[in-house]
Amino acid sequence: MSDDIPNDPNGKRIICDGEYATVRYVGMVPPTAGLWLGVEWDNPLRGKHDGSHNGTRYFACSHATGGSFIRPKKADFGVSFLTAVTKRYGSNSDWNENLVIGKKTVELIGIESVQDEQSKLVTLCDISLRECAVSNAGHKGEIFDSCPNISTMNLSSNLLSSWESMADIACQLKTLKHLDLSENRLRLSSNPSSLANAFASLTLLSLNRTGITWNEVLQYTVMWPALEELYLASNDITVLERSVSCLQSLTLLDISNNQLVHGNQLHAIAHLPRLKHLIISNNRISSINFSVAQFGCCTDMFPAVNRLLIDGNNISQWSFINELNKLQSLQSLTCQNNPIMDSEKNPETVRQLIIAKIARLKVLNKTEILLKEREGAELDYRKKFGFDWLKAGGNQNSELNNPSMEFLIEHPRYITLVEKYGAPDDAEIKPLQPFALKNQLLTLTIKCPDKPDQKPIQKKLPDSMTVQKVKGLLYRLFKVPGSELTLSYESCKMEGKEIELENDLKSLQFYSMENGDSILVRW
C-alpha cells in the first residue's frame, strides 16, 4: 500500500482541488500503470462516469457522472482533531530558540510556552473547526488530555467518514452537548447502540446537508439518548416513518428544505410527547388533516407543539389553516411565501383571517398579536362571513341557529365567535358588493376634541389608507407634523368608546372603521 494513503482508504473522505469526495476503489486501472483511487464526488457534476471504465465496473455511484479516478498524491485525507484544534486555537507567539546538531537546525519550544499552550486548550468550551479537514481522533486519549472541556462544537464540512470515527472524538469530551456535523458523510455503524456512551450528554445535533434519510435517523437515535434538538435540513427526505420508542426527549425538529409532499406524513412524528418547535419550511406540503373524535375539538397529535414554521410550502387552501386550530398548544406560526398569503388583495386581510381562524395564536409571522388586533380580526371575520352564515341556516335567534355542516367545516370557529360577540346584526349581514372604488370609500368625520374652535370636517377616505397617510392628510389640513399627532376613532355603533390608531402602518380597514365613524385628532 502506498505511503500517500492510509492503510484502510476505502470509504474514507478526501478533499481534492477543493472538492469533497468519498473513496470507493483503490487499485489498478488498466491499461495505465500505477495506483488509482476511484472516488465519488459530493458534487456529481464534478465527475466523469459512474464508476465504470472501458466496460469494467470498479465501483458504484449514485449519479451517472459522480465518479472519477485520481492519483493518490492529489487526495488530502485530512488531519487529526487535535491537530486542527491546535492550528486554529493554539498560540502563534511561543518563545523558542534554535539548537544546531551537526548540520541540522532543531527548533526548541520553551517549557513555559508548552504549558501556556496546554492551559489555553484546556479552557476551550465552544469551538468551530468548520472546513478544517478533520478526519480522525488521532492518538488515543490525546483529546481528553488536551481539551476535555469542549461542550459546543462545529465540525461541519470536514472529512469524517463514519460514526465510529466521530465517537472516538466524542467519547473523550464528556461534557459535549451541542454538535454540528452538517455537510459530512458518515457511514452507518453496524452496532449503533455500542456508541451511545460517546454521545450520552448530547442535547443538540445538526445533520444538515449530510444525505441522511429518515430511516437512517431512526436507526441512529439509539446513539443519542438525551437528544433535545435535531436539525435535518436539506437532505432530500421524502418519507417519514413512525417509531414509537425514538426521540422521546426531542423538543425541536427541523426538517426544512426537504421533499415532503403530503402533510399527513407528519403524523409519523405527531406522537412525540415533548416536541415544542417544528420547522417544516420549504417543502412541498399543500394539505394536512388532524382527525378528531368530535367536531370543533382539539387533536391529541402534536400535544406540545407551540411553534410551527411552514414557510415556503404549497399551502393555498384555508382548510389547512382550519386544521391548525386543532393543535392544542399552537401559539406561534410562520407561514410566509405560501400561495394562501396572496389569496386576498390586502395582505392585512390574510393576516386577520388567520388570526380569527386559530384561537390560541399569539405570534403570526414573527409579529405579536395584541388583544385589540385579535378582537378586531374576530369581529371582522364574524361580519365578513355573516351573509354566508345566514344562507347556510344561521339565525340571530339562538334557538333557530342551525348552520349547515358544510358551512361549519369551512368556518369551524364561527359558532364560537357568535357565542363570544353575539350574532351579527342586520346592518352587518349583507352580501359582498362587487369591487368598485365607491365601495372602498369611507365617509368619516374628523374631529379635534381639544380644539373647540375647530369645526368637524367630513372626508371620504379609502379603507385601504394607512394611518400614516391619514396623518399626512391632516398635516395639510392643520399644519401640524404627523409625529405630533395622536389619532383614535369613535364608532357610530359604540358611542363613548374610543379606539387608538396606534400603528401607523395599519390601514383603516385593519381597525374595522365604517361609514359614519369619527377620527379624533389631538396634538
Protein backbone atom coordinates (compact mmCIF):
# COMPACT_ATOMS: atom_id res chain seq x y z
CA MET A 1 0.00 0.00 0.00
CA SER A 2 1.35 3.44 -0.90
CA ASP A 3 2.64 5.74 1.83
CA ASP A 4 0.47 8.51 0.37
CA ILE A 5 -2.74 6.94 1.58
CA PRO A 6 -3.92 5.37 4.87
CA ASN A 7 -3.97 1.61 5.35
CA ASP A 8 -7.77 1.42 5.01
CA PRO A 9 -8.67 4.07 2.40
CA ASN A 10 -11.95 2.59 1.16
CA GLY A 11 -14.84 4.66 2.42
CA LYS A 12 -12.58 7.48 3.61
CA ARG A 13 -13.40 11.09 2.88
CA ILE A 14 -10.98 13.28 0.92
CA ILE A 15 -10.54 16.76 -0.50
CA CYS A 16 -9.15 17.15 -3.99
CA ASP A 17 -8.79 20.55 -5.65
CA GLY A 18 -11.26 21.99 -3.14
CA GLU A 19 -13.94 19.35 -3.85
CA TYR A 20 -15.14 16.73 -1.35
CA ALA A 21 -15.38 13.04 -2.26
CA THR A 22 -15.53 9.51 -0.84
CA VAL A 23 -13.03 6.83 -1.83
CA ARG A 24 -14.84 3.87 -3.41
CA TYR A 25 -11.94 1.95 -5.01
CA VAL A 26 -8.16 1.55 -4.57
CA GLY A 27 -6.12 -0.33 -7.17
CA MET A 28 -5.01 -0.62 -10.74
CA VAL A 29 -6.97 0.65 -13.74
CA PRO A 30 -5.55 -0.99 -16.90
CA PRO A 31 -4.05 -0.17 -19.25
CA THR A 32 -2.49 2.71 -17.25
CA ALA A 33 0.24 1.90 -14.75
CA GLY A 34 0.30 2.82 -11.10
CA LEU A 35 -2.21 3.09 -8.28
CA TRP A 36 -5.52 4.88 -8.67
CA LEU A 37 -8.25 5.99 -6.30
CA GLY A 38 -11.81 5.67 -7.53
CA VAL A 39 -13.83 8.45 -5.87
CA GLU A 40 -17.47 9.51 -5.75
CA TRP A 41 -17.78 13.28 -5.61
CA ASP A 42 -20.28 15.07 -3.37
CA ASN A 43 -20.92 17.27 -6.38
CA PRO A 44 -21.97 14.83 -9.13
CA LEU A 45 -21.18 17.38 -11.84
CA ARG A 46 -17.51 17.15 -10.86
CA GLY A 47 -17.10 13.58 -12.11
CA LYS A 48 -16.94 11.88 -15.50
CA HIS A 49 -18.57 8.46 -15.10
CA ASP A 50 -20.50 6.15 -12.74
CA GLY A 51 -17.52 4.03 -11.64
CA SER A 52 -17.07 2.13 -14.91
CA HIS A 53 -14.12 2.41 -17.28
CA ASN A 54 -13.67 0.68 -20.65
CA GLY A 55 -16.52 -1.71 -19.91
CA THR A 56 -15.26 -2.70 -16.45
CA ARG A 57 -17.08 -1.61 -13.30
CA TYR A 58 -14.69 -0.69 -10.49
CA PHE A 59 -17.18 0.88 -8.09
CA ALA A 60 -20.77 2.14 -7.98
CA CYS A 61 -22.01 5.74 -7.89
CA SER A 62 -25.44 7.12 -7.10
CA HIS A 63 -25.13 9.52 -10.05
CA ALA A 64 -24.15 8.85 -13.67
CA THR A 65 -21.38 11.45 -13.58
CA GLY A 66 -20.43 11.19 -9.91
CA GLY A 67 -17.21 9.19 -10.29
CA SER A 68 -13.59 9.81 -11.20
CA PHE A 69 -10.17 8.17 -10.92
CA ILE A 70 -7.44 10.27 -9.34
CA ARG A 71 -3.85 9.65 -8.29
CA PRO A 72 -3.29 9.21 -4.53
CA LYS A 73 -0.97 12.21 -4.34
CA LYS A 74 -3.89 14.51 -5.27
CA ALA A 75 -6.03 13.31 -2.34
CA ASP A 76 -5.98 15.06 1.04
CA PHE A 77 -7.14 12.57 3.68
CA GLY A 78 -7.28 15.20 6.40
CA VAL A 79 -5.80 15.68 9.86
CA SER A 80 -6.47 14.60 13.42
CA PHE A 81 -8.87 16.50 15.64
CA LEU A 82 -6.16 17.83 17.96
CA THR A 83 -4.03 18.96 15.02
CA ALA A 84 -6.93 21.07 13.77
CA VAL A 85 -7.70 22.45 17.26
CA THR A 86 -4.08 23.40 17.85
CA LYS A 87 -3.77 25.06 14.46
CA ARG A 88 -6.89 27.16 14.97
CA TYR A 89 -6.74 27.88 18.70
CA GLY A 90 -3.07 27.41 19.61
CA SER A 91 -0.64 30.23 20.36
CA ASN A 92 1.22 31.86 17.49
CA SER A 93 3.72 33.64 19.75
CA ASP A 94 5.52 30.86 21.61
CA TRP A 95 9.05 31.60 22.81
CA ASN A 96 11.53 29.37 21.00
CA GLU A 97 15.22 29.02 20.21
CA ASN A 98 17.23 27.01 17.72
CA LEU A 99 19.73 24.24 18.54
CA VAL A 100 22.27 23.09 15.93
CA ILE A 101 23.03 19.37 15.96
CA GLY A 102 25.63 18.57 13.35
CA LYS A 103 24.39 20.30 10.22
CA LYS A 104 20.72 20.23 11.25
CA THR A 105 18.88 23.07 12.98
CA VAL A 106 16.27 21.93 15.52
CA GLU A 107 13.62 24.31 16.90
CA LEU A 108 13.13 24.10 20.66
CA ILE A 109 9.90 25.31 22.29
CA GLY A 110 10.27 26.69 25.79
CA ILE A 111 8.58 24.74 28.58
CA GLU A 112 6.70 27.89 29.62
CA SER A 113 5.15 28.11 26.13
CA VAL A 114 4.18 24.44 26.17
CA GLN A 115 2.43 24.94 29.49
CA ASP A 116 0.74 28.08 28.19
CA GLU A 117 -0.42 26.19 25.08
CA GLN A 118 -1.85 23.34 27.15
CA SER A 119 -3.55 25.78 29.52
CA LYS A 120 -5.16 27.58 26.58
CA LEU A 121 -6.58 24.38 25.07
CA VAL A 122 -7.87 23.09 28.41
CA THR A 123 -10.09 26.16 28.79
CA LEU A 124 -11.79 25.72 25.41
CA CYS A 125 -15.55 25.24 25.70
CA ASP A 126 -17.06 26.42 22.38
CA ILE A 127 -15.09 25.75 19.20
CA SER A 128 -15.58 25.83 15.44
CA LEU A 129 -13.49 23.59 13.18
CA ARG A 130 -15.60 24.10 10.07
CA GLU A 131 -13.69 23.13 6.90
CA CYS A 132 -10.56 22.14 8.85
CA ALA A 133 -10.24 18.70 7.17
CA VAL A 134 -10.74 16.79 10.45
CA SER A 135 -10.85 13.07 9.64
CA ASN A 136 -9.89 11.17 12.81
CA ALA A 137 -9.44 11.30 16.57
CA GLY A 138 -5.66 10.96 16.47
CA HIS A 139 -3.75 9.11 19.18
CA LYS A 140 -5.79 7.50 21.93
CA GLY A 141 -6.59 9.86 24.79
CA GLU A 142 -4.86 12.94 23.35
CA ILE A 143 -8.10 14.91 23.06
CA PHE A 144 -9.06 14.22 26.69
CA ASP A 145 -5.56 15.17 27.85
CA SER A 146 -5.51 18.45 25.88
CA CYS A 147 -9.03 19.91 25.56
CA PRO A 148 -11.53 17.86 27.60
CA ASN A 149 -13.94 20.72 28.40
CA ILE A 150 -15.43 21.30 24.95
CA SER A 151 -19.23 21.44 25.20
CA THR A 152 -20.22 23.08 21.88
CA MET A 153 -18.51 22.04 18.66
CA ASN A 154 -18.93 22.85 14.98
CA LEU A 155 -17.41 20.09 12.86
CA SER A 156 -19.37 20.88 9.71
CA SER A 157 -17.86 20.29 6.29
CA ASN A 158 -14.98 18.06 7.41
CA LEU A 159 -13.69 14.62 6.38
CA LEU A 160 -15.29 12.38 9.00
CA SER A 161 -16.31 9.17 7.27
CA SER A 162 -18.04 7.08 9.95
CA TRP A 163 -19.93 7.36 13.21
CA GLU A 164 -17.17 5.28 14.80
CA SER A 165 -14.59 7.96 13.99
CA MET A 166 -16.91 10.63 15.41
CA ALA A 167 -17.50 8.53 18.52
CA ASP A 168 -13.71 8.22 19.03
CA ILE A 169 -13.66 12.01 19.34
CA ALA A 170 -16.87 12.43 21.33
CA CYS A 171 -16.03 9.78 23.94
CA GLN A 172 -13.14 11.98 25.10
CA LEU A 173 -15.43 15.01 25.52
CA LYS A 174 -17.60 14.11 28.49
CA THR A 175 -19.40 17.49 28.53
CA LEU A 176 -20.19 17.66 24.79
CA LYS A 177 -23.77 18.91 24.44
CA HIS A 178 -24.02 20.70 21.08
CA LEU A 179 -22.58 19.18 17.90
CA ASP A 180 -22.81 20.34 14.28
CA LEU A 181 -21.91 17.62 11.76
CA SER A 182 -23.57 19.25 8.75
CA GLU A 183 -22.06 18.59 5.32
CA ASN A 184 -20.26 15.43 6.41
CA ARG A 185 -20.92 11.94 5.06
CA LEU A 186 -20.90 9.39 7.88
CA ARG A 187 -21.42 5.68 7.31
CA LEU A 188 -23.95 3.92 9.50
CA SER A 189 -22.41 1.85 12.27
CA SER A 190 -23.08 -1.88 12.28
CA ASN A 191 -23.82 -1.57 16.02
CA PRO A 192 -25.12 1.96 16.78
CA SER A 193 -26.08 1.14 20.37
CA SER A 194 -22.41 0.47 21.18
CA LEU A 195 -21.67 4.16 20.51
CA ALA A 196 -24.36 5.57 22.82
CA ASN A 197 -21.94 6.27 25.67
CA ALA A 198 -19.89 8.57 23.43
CA PHE A 199 -22.92 10.84 22.90
CA ALA A 200 -24.55 10.40 26.30
CA SER A 201 -24.62 14.14 27.07
CA LEU A 202 -25.54 15.34 23.57
CA THR A 203 -28.68 17.52 23.53
CA LEU A 204 -28.33 19.33 20.15
CA LEU A 205 -27.27 17.78 16.84
CA SER A 206 -27.15 19.31 13.34
CA LEU A 207 -27.08 16.94 10.37
CA ASN A 208 -27.99 19.40 7.62
CA ARG A 209 -26.90 18.50 4.08
CA THR A 210 -25.49 15.12 5.07
CA GLY A 211 -27.60 12.98 2.71
CA ILE A 212 -29.22 11.25 5.67
CA THR A 213 -32.60 9.52 5.23
CA TRP A 214 -35.37 9.38 7.81
CA ASN A 215 -34.97 5.62 8.11
CA GLU A 216 -31.29 6.15 8.97
CA VAL A 217 -32.29 8.75 11.57
CA LEU A 218 -34.47 6.15 13.27
CA GLN A 219 -31.53 3.72 13.31
CA TYR A 220 -29.18 6.35 14.72
CA THR A 221 -31.41 7.59 17.54
CA VAL A 222 -30.18 4.87 19.90
CA MET A 223 -26.85 6.73 19.88
CA TRP A 224 -28.44 9.96 21.16
CA PRO A 225 -30.34 9.06 24.36
CA ALA A 226 -30.59 12.66 25.65
CA LEU A 227 -31.17 14.49 22.34
CA GLU A 228 -33.49 17.53 22.53
CA GLU A 229 -32.85 19.42 19.25
CA LEU A 230 -32.32 17.78 15.86
CA TYR A 231 -31.65 19.66 12.61
CA LEU A 232 -32.12 17.72 9.34
CA ALA A 233 -32.45 20.48 6.73
CA SER A 234 -31.63 19.95 3.04
CA ASN A 235 -31.39 16.17 2.96
CA ASP A 236 -33.96 15.37 0.23
CA ILE A 237 -36.07 13.49 2.78
CA THR A 238 -39.26 12.32 1.08
CA VAL A 239 -40.73 9.89 3.62
CA LEU A 240 -41.31 9.97 7.37
CA GLU A 241 -41.91 6.74 9.26
CA ARG A 242 -43.05 6.23 12.83
CA SER A 243 -41.06 4.55 15.54
CA VAL A 244 -42.71 4.67 18.95
CA SER A 245 -39.56 4.40 21.07
CA CYS A 246 -37.43 7.02 19.28
CA LEU A 247 -36.77 10.70 20.00
CA GLN A 248 -38.92 10.81 23.12
CA SER A 249 -36.92 13.70 24.62
CA LEU A 250 -36.96 15.79 21.43
CA THR A 251 -38.21 19.39 21.84
CA LEU A 252 -37.18 20.81 18.43
CA LEU A 253 -37.15 19.18 14.99
CA ASP A 254 -36.06 20.95 11.81
CA ILE A 255 -36.90 19.11 8.57
CA SER A 256 -36.94 22.19 6.35
CA ASN A 257 -35.75 22.24 2.73
CA ASN A 258 -36.62 18.62 2.08
CA GLN A 259 -39.05 16.95 -0.32
CA LEU A 260 -42.09 16.19 1.80
CA VAL A 261 -45.28 16.45 -0.26
CA HIS A 262 -48.12 15.09 1.88
CA GLY A 263 -48.79 16.87 5.15
CA ASN A 264 -50.17 13.68 6.64
CA GLN A 265 -46.60 12.33 6.56
CA LEU A 266 -46.20 14.45 9.68
CA HIS A 267 -48.44 12.02 11.54
CA ALA A 268 -45.32 9.87 11.87
CA ILE A 269 -43.86 12.37 14.35
CA ALA A 270 -47.15 13.56 15.86
CA HIS A 271 -46.72 11.29 18.88
CA LEU A 272 -43.51 12.90 20.18
CA PRO A 273 -44.58 13.99 23.67
CA ARG A 274 -42.11 16.87 24.25
CA LEU A 275 -41.85 18.31 20.73
CA LYS A 276 -42.46 22.08 21.02
CA HIS A 277 -40.83 23.57 17.91
CA LEU A 278 -41.46 22.07 14.47
CA ILE A 279 -39.82 23.53 11.37
CA ILE A 280 -41.09 22.19 8.02
CA SER A 281 -40.37 25.24 5.86
CA ASN A 282 -39.56 24.92 2.15
CA ASN A 283 -41.03 21.51 1.48
CA ARG A 284 -43.91 20.90 -0.96
CA ILE A 285 -46.75 20.37 1.50
CA SER A 286 -50.20 21.58 0.44
CA SER A 287 -52.65 19.89 2.81
CA ILE A 288 -52.92 18.25 6.21
CA ASN A 289 -55.61 16.61 8.30
CA PHE A 290 -55.82 16.01 12.05
CA SER A 291 -58.71 13.71 12.78
CA VAL A 292 -60.62 14.34 16.00
CA ALA A 293 -63.44 12.49 17.71
CA GLN A 294 -65.91 15.40 17.65
CA PHE A 295 -66.35 18.50 15.54
CA GLY A 296 -64.62 21.57 16.96
CA CYS A 297 -62.38 19.59 19.34
CA CYS A 298 -58.60 19.55 19.58
CA THR A 299 -56.49 16.69 18.30
CA ASP A 300 -54.18 14.67 20.53
CA MET A 301 -51.49 14.89 17.81
CA PHE A 302 -48.50 17.17 18.48
CA PRO A 303 -49.68 17.79 22.07
CA ALA A 304 -46.78 20.11 22.97
CA VAL A 305 -46.09 21.92 19.67
CA ASN A 306 -46.41 25.66 20.31
CA ARG A 307 -44.22 26.99 17.47
CA LEU A 308 -44.69 25.93 13.84
CA LEU A 309 -42.79 27.17 10.79
CA ILE A 310 -44.37 26.27 7.42
CA ASP A 311 -42.91 28.98 5.16
CA GLY A 312 -42.33 28.24 1.50
CA ASN A 313 -44.72 25.32 1.00
CA ASN A 314 -47.67 24.96 -1.41
CA ILE A 315 -50.44 25.90 1.03
CA SER A 316 -53.30 27.55 -0.85
CA GLN A 317 -56.46 26.34 0.92
CA TRP A 318 -57.98 27.77 4.09
CA SER A 319 -58.78 24.24 5.18
CA PHE A 320 -55.07 23.89 6.09
CA ILE A 321 -55.32 26.85 8.49
CA ASN A 322 -58.56 25.42 9.93
CA GLU A 323 -56.72 22.21 10.75
CA LEU A 324 -54.01 24.10 12.64
CA ASN A 325 -56.68 25.34 15.07
CA LYS A 326 -56.95 21.73 16.26
CA LEU A 327 -53.42 21.84 17.71
CA GLN A 328 -54.00 22.35 21.40
CA SER A 329 -50.73 24.18 22.18
CA LEU A 330 -50.01 26.18 18.99
CA GLN A 331 -49.11 29.80 19.82
CA SER A 332 -46.62 30.88 17.13
CA LEU A 333 -46.98 30.36 13.38
CA THR A 334 -44.82 31.45 10.45
CA CYS A 335 -46.39 30.77 7.05
CA GLN A 336 -44.95 33.33 4.63
CA ASN A 337 -44.22 32.53 0.96
CA ASN A 338 -47.25 30.29 0.54
CA PRO A 339 -49.92 30.87 -2.15
CA ILE A 340 -52.53 31.48 0.54
CA MET A 341 -50.72 34.65 1.59
CA ASP A 342 -51.67 36.16 -1.79
CA SER A 343 -55.29 35.00 -1.70
CA GLU A 344 -56.59 38.46 -0.77
CA LYS A 345 -55.83 41.84 -2.35
CA ASN A 346 -54.79 43.25 1.01
CA PRO A 347 -52.14 41.24 2.92
CA GLU A 348 -53.59 42.54 6.18
CA THR A 349 -56.85 40.77 5.37
CA VAL A 350 -54.99 37.45 5.14
CA ARG A 351 -53.37 38.10 8.49
CA GLN A 352 -56.73 38.88 10.09
CA LEU A 353 -58.31 35.72 8.67
CA ILE A 354 -55.50 33.53 10.04
CA ILE A 355 -55.77 35.16 13.47
CA ALA A 356 -59.54 34.66 13.52
CA LYS A 357 -59.23 31.02 12.46
CA ILE A 358 -56.58 29.97 15.03
CA ALA A 359 -57.85 30.74 18.52
CA ARG A 360 -54.70 30.30 20.63
CA LEU A 361 -52.26 32.03 18.25
CA LYS A 362 -50.15 34.76 19.90
CA VAL A 363 -47.47 35.36 17.24
CA LEU A 364 -48.01 35.34 13.46
CA ASN A 365 -45.13 35.69 11.00
CA LYS A 366 -42.86 36.88 13.82
CA THR A 367 -45.24 39.68 14.87
CA GLU A 368 -47.07 39.60 18.19
CA ILE A 369 -50.85 39.51 18.08
CA LEU A 370 -52.17 42.12 20.50
CA LEU A 371 -55.55 41.69 22.20
CA LYS A 372 -57.03 44.58 20.22
CA GLU A 373 -55.82 43.04 16.97
CA ARG A 374 -57.39 39.70 17.82
CA GLU A 375 -60.66 41.32 18.77
CA GLY A 376 -60.72 43.31 15.53
CA ALA A 377 -59.85 40.25 13.44
CA GLU A 378 -62.56 38.13 15.03
CA LEU A 379 -65.20 40.85 14.74
CA ASP A 380 -64.30 41.37 11.06
CA TYR A 381 -64.44 37.63 10.42
CA ARG A 382 -67.84 37.40 12.05
CA LYS A 383 -69.07 40.26 9.85
CA LYS A 384 -67.30 39.18 6.64
CA PHE A 385 -69.00 35.78 6.57
CA GLY A 386 -72.27 36.79 8.21
CA PHE A 387 -74.25 36.61 4.97
CA ASP A 388 -72.85 33.13 4.19
CA TRP A 389 -73.74 32.06 7.73
CA LEU A 390 -77.32 33.28 7.26
CA LYS A 391 -77.65 31.49 3.91
CA ALA A 392 -76.34 28.27 5.46
CA GLY A 393 -79.04 28.21 8.15
CA GLY A 394 -77.65 30.60 10.73
CA ASN A 395 -80.08 32.71 12.72
CA GLN A 396 -79.85 35.58 15.21
CA ASN A 397 -82.28 33.63 17.36
CA SER A 398 -80.07 31.07 19.11
CA GLU A 399 -82.91 28.55 19.19
CA LEU A 400 -83.18 28.67 15.40
CA ASN A 401 -79.46 28.94 14.70
CA ASN A 402 -78.53 25.77 12.82
CA PRO A 403 -75.87 26.38 10.13
CA SER A 404 -75.09 23.52 7.79
CA MET A 405 -72.19 21.16 8.40
CA GLU A 406 -70.69 22.34 5.11
CA PHE A 407 -70.52 25.90 6.48
CA LEU A 408 -69.09 24.73 9.82
CA ILE A 409 -66.37 22.72 8.11
CA GLU A 410 -65.35 25.80 6.14
CA HIS A 411 -65.70 28.12 9.16
CA PRO A 412 -65.22 25.93 12.25
CA ARG A 413 -64.74 28.88 14.65
CA TYR A 414 -67.79 30.88 13.51
CA ILE A 415 -70.16 29.47 16.14
CA THR A 416 -67.58 30.25 18.85
CA LEU A 417 -67.29 33.84 17.61
CA VAL A 418 -71.07 34.23 17.63
CA GLU A 419 -71.11 33.00 21.23
CA LYS A 420 -68.28 35.40 22.11
CA TYR A 421 -69.54 38.57 20.41
CA GLY A 422 -73.16 37.84 19.70
CA ALA A 423 -74.83 37.20 16.35
CA PRO A 424 -74.12 39.77 13.62
CA ASP A 425 -76.94 42.32 13.30
CA ASP A 426 -78.86 43.18 10.14
CA ALA A 427 -76.51 46.01 9.22
CA GLU A 428 -73.57 43.64 9.28
CA ILE A 429 -75.24 40.84 7.34
CA LYS A 430 -75.11 41.91 3.73
CA PRO A 431 -73.84 40.24 0.57
CA LEU A 432 -70.40 41.27 -0.65
CA GLN A 433 -70.54 44.08 -3.18
CA PRO A 434 -68.60 43.82 -6.43
CA PHE A 435 -65.27 45.59 -6.29
CA ALA A 436 -65.53 49.27 -7.16
CA LEU A 437 -63.86 52.39 -5.87
CA LYS A 438 -67.07 53.72 -4.30
CA ASN A 439 -67.41 50.54 -2.26
CA GLN A 440 -63.93 51.10 -0.79
CA LEU A 441 -64.53 54.71 0.35
CA LEU A 442 -65.49 55.50 3.94
CA THR A 443 -67.33 58.68 4.90
CA LEU A 444 -65.61 59.79 8.10
CA THR A 445 -65.84 62.86 10.33
CA ILE A 446 -62.59 64.39 11.53
CA LYS A 447 -62.87 65.98 14.97
CA CYS A 448 -60.41 67.78 17.26
CA PRO A 449 -61.76 67.24 20.82
CA ASP A 450 -59.15 69.51 22.43
CA LYS A 451 -59.72 72.34 19.91
CA PRO A 452 -63.33 73.53 20.36
CA ASP A 453 -62.86 76.25 17.74
CA GLN A 454 -62.02 73.68 15.08
CA LYS A 455 -65.17 72.61 13.24
CA PRO A 456 -65.64 68.92 12.33
CA ILE A 457 -64.58 68.07 8.77
CA GLN A 458 -66.19 65.32 6.72
CA LYS A 459 -63.92 63.34 4.35
CA LYS A 460 -64.25 60.32 2.07
CA LEU A 461 -61.18 58.12 2.57
CA PRO A 462 -60.33 54.69 1.06
CA ASP A 463 -60.45 51.91 3.66
CA SER A 464 -57.01 50.78 2.47
CA MET A 465 -55.47 54.11 3.53
CA THR A 466 -52.84 53.71 6.25
CA VAL A 467 -52.80 55.71 9.46
CA GLN A 468 -49.53 57.25 8.29
CA LYS A 469 -51.17 58.61 5.15
CA VAL A 470 -54.09 59.91 7.18
CA LYS A 471 -51.58 61.87 9.24
CA GLY A 472 -50.17 63.28 6.00
CA LEU A 473 -53.64 64.46 5.06
CA LEU A 474 -54.14 66.01 8.49
CA TYR A 475 -50.82 67.85 8.18
CA ARG A 476 -52.18 69.58 5.08
CA LEU A 477 -55.39 70.45 6.95
CA PHE A 478 -53.97 71.59 10.29
CA LYS A 479 -50.30 72.29 9.51
CA VAL A 480 -49.23 70.03 12.40
CA PRO A 481 -46.46 67.44 11.75
CA GLY A 482 -47.66 63.85 11.78
CA SER A 483 -45.15 62.96 14.53
CA GLU A 484 -47.03 65.28 16.88
CA LEU A 485 -50.49 63.88 16.12
CA THR A 486 -52.30 61.26 18.20
CA LEU A 487 -55.23 59.58 16.44
CA SER A 488 -58.10 57.47 17.66
CA TYR A 489 -61.56 56.74 16.35
CA GLU A 490 -65.09 56.55 17.66
CA SER A 491 -67.51 54.06 16.19
CA CYS A 492 -71.00 55.21 15.35
CA LYS A 493 -72.23 51.90 16.80
CA MET A 494 -70.36 52.18 20.10
CA GLU A 495 -70.74 55.73 21.35
CA GLY A 496 -68.33 56.74 24.06
CA LYS A 497 -65.81 54.01 23.23
CA GLU A 498 -62.57 55.36 21.79
CA ILE A 499 -60.08 53.10 19.97
CA GLU A 500 -56.50 54.29 19.48
CA LEU A 501 -54.99 54.16 15.96
CA GLU A 502 -51.61 53.17 17.35
CA ASN A 503 -49.88 51.59 14.35
CA ASP A 504 -49.02 53.97 11.52
CA LEU A 505 -48.57 51.12 9.05
CA LYS A 506 -52.03 49.63 9.54
CA SER A 507 -54.99 50.52 7.31
CA LEU A 508 -58.38 51.93 8.31
CA GLN A 509 -59.81 48.59 7.24
CA PHE A 510 -57.50 46.88 9.76
CA TYR A 511 -59.17 48.86 12.56
CA SER A 512 -62.65 47.92 11.23
CA MET A 513 -63.66 51.51 10.58
CA GLU A 514 -67.03 52.03 8.89
CA ASN A 515 -69.13 54.79 7.30
CA GLY A 516 -70.18 57.32 9.88
CA ASP A 517 -67.24 56.76 12.25
CA SER A 518 -65.22 59.71 13.56
CA ILE A 519 -61.43 60.17 13.63
CA LEU A 520 -60.36 62.03 16.77
CA VAL A 521 -57.22 64.16 16.35
CA ARG A 522 -55.10 65.51 19.20
CA TRP A 523 -51.81 67.37 19.36
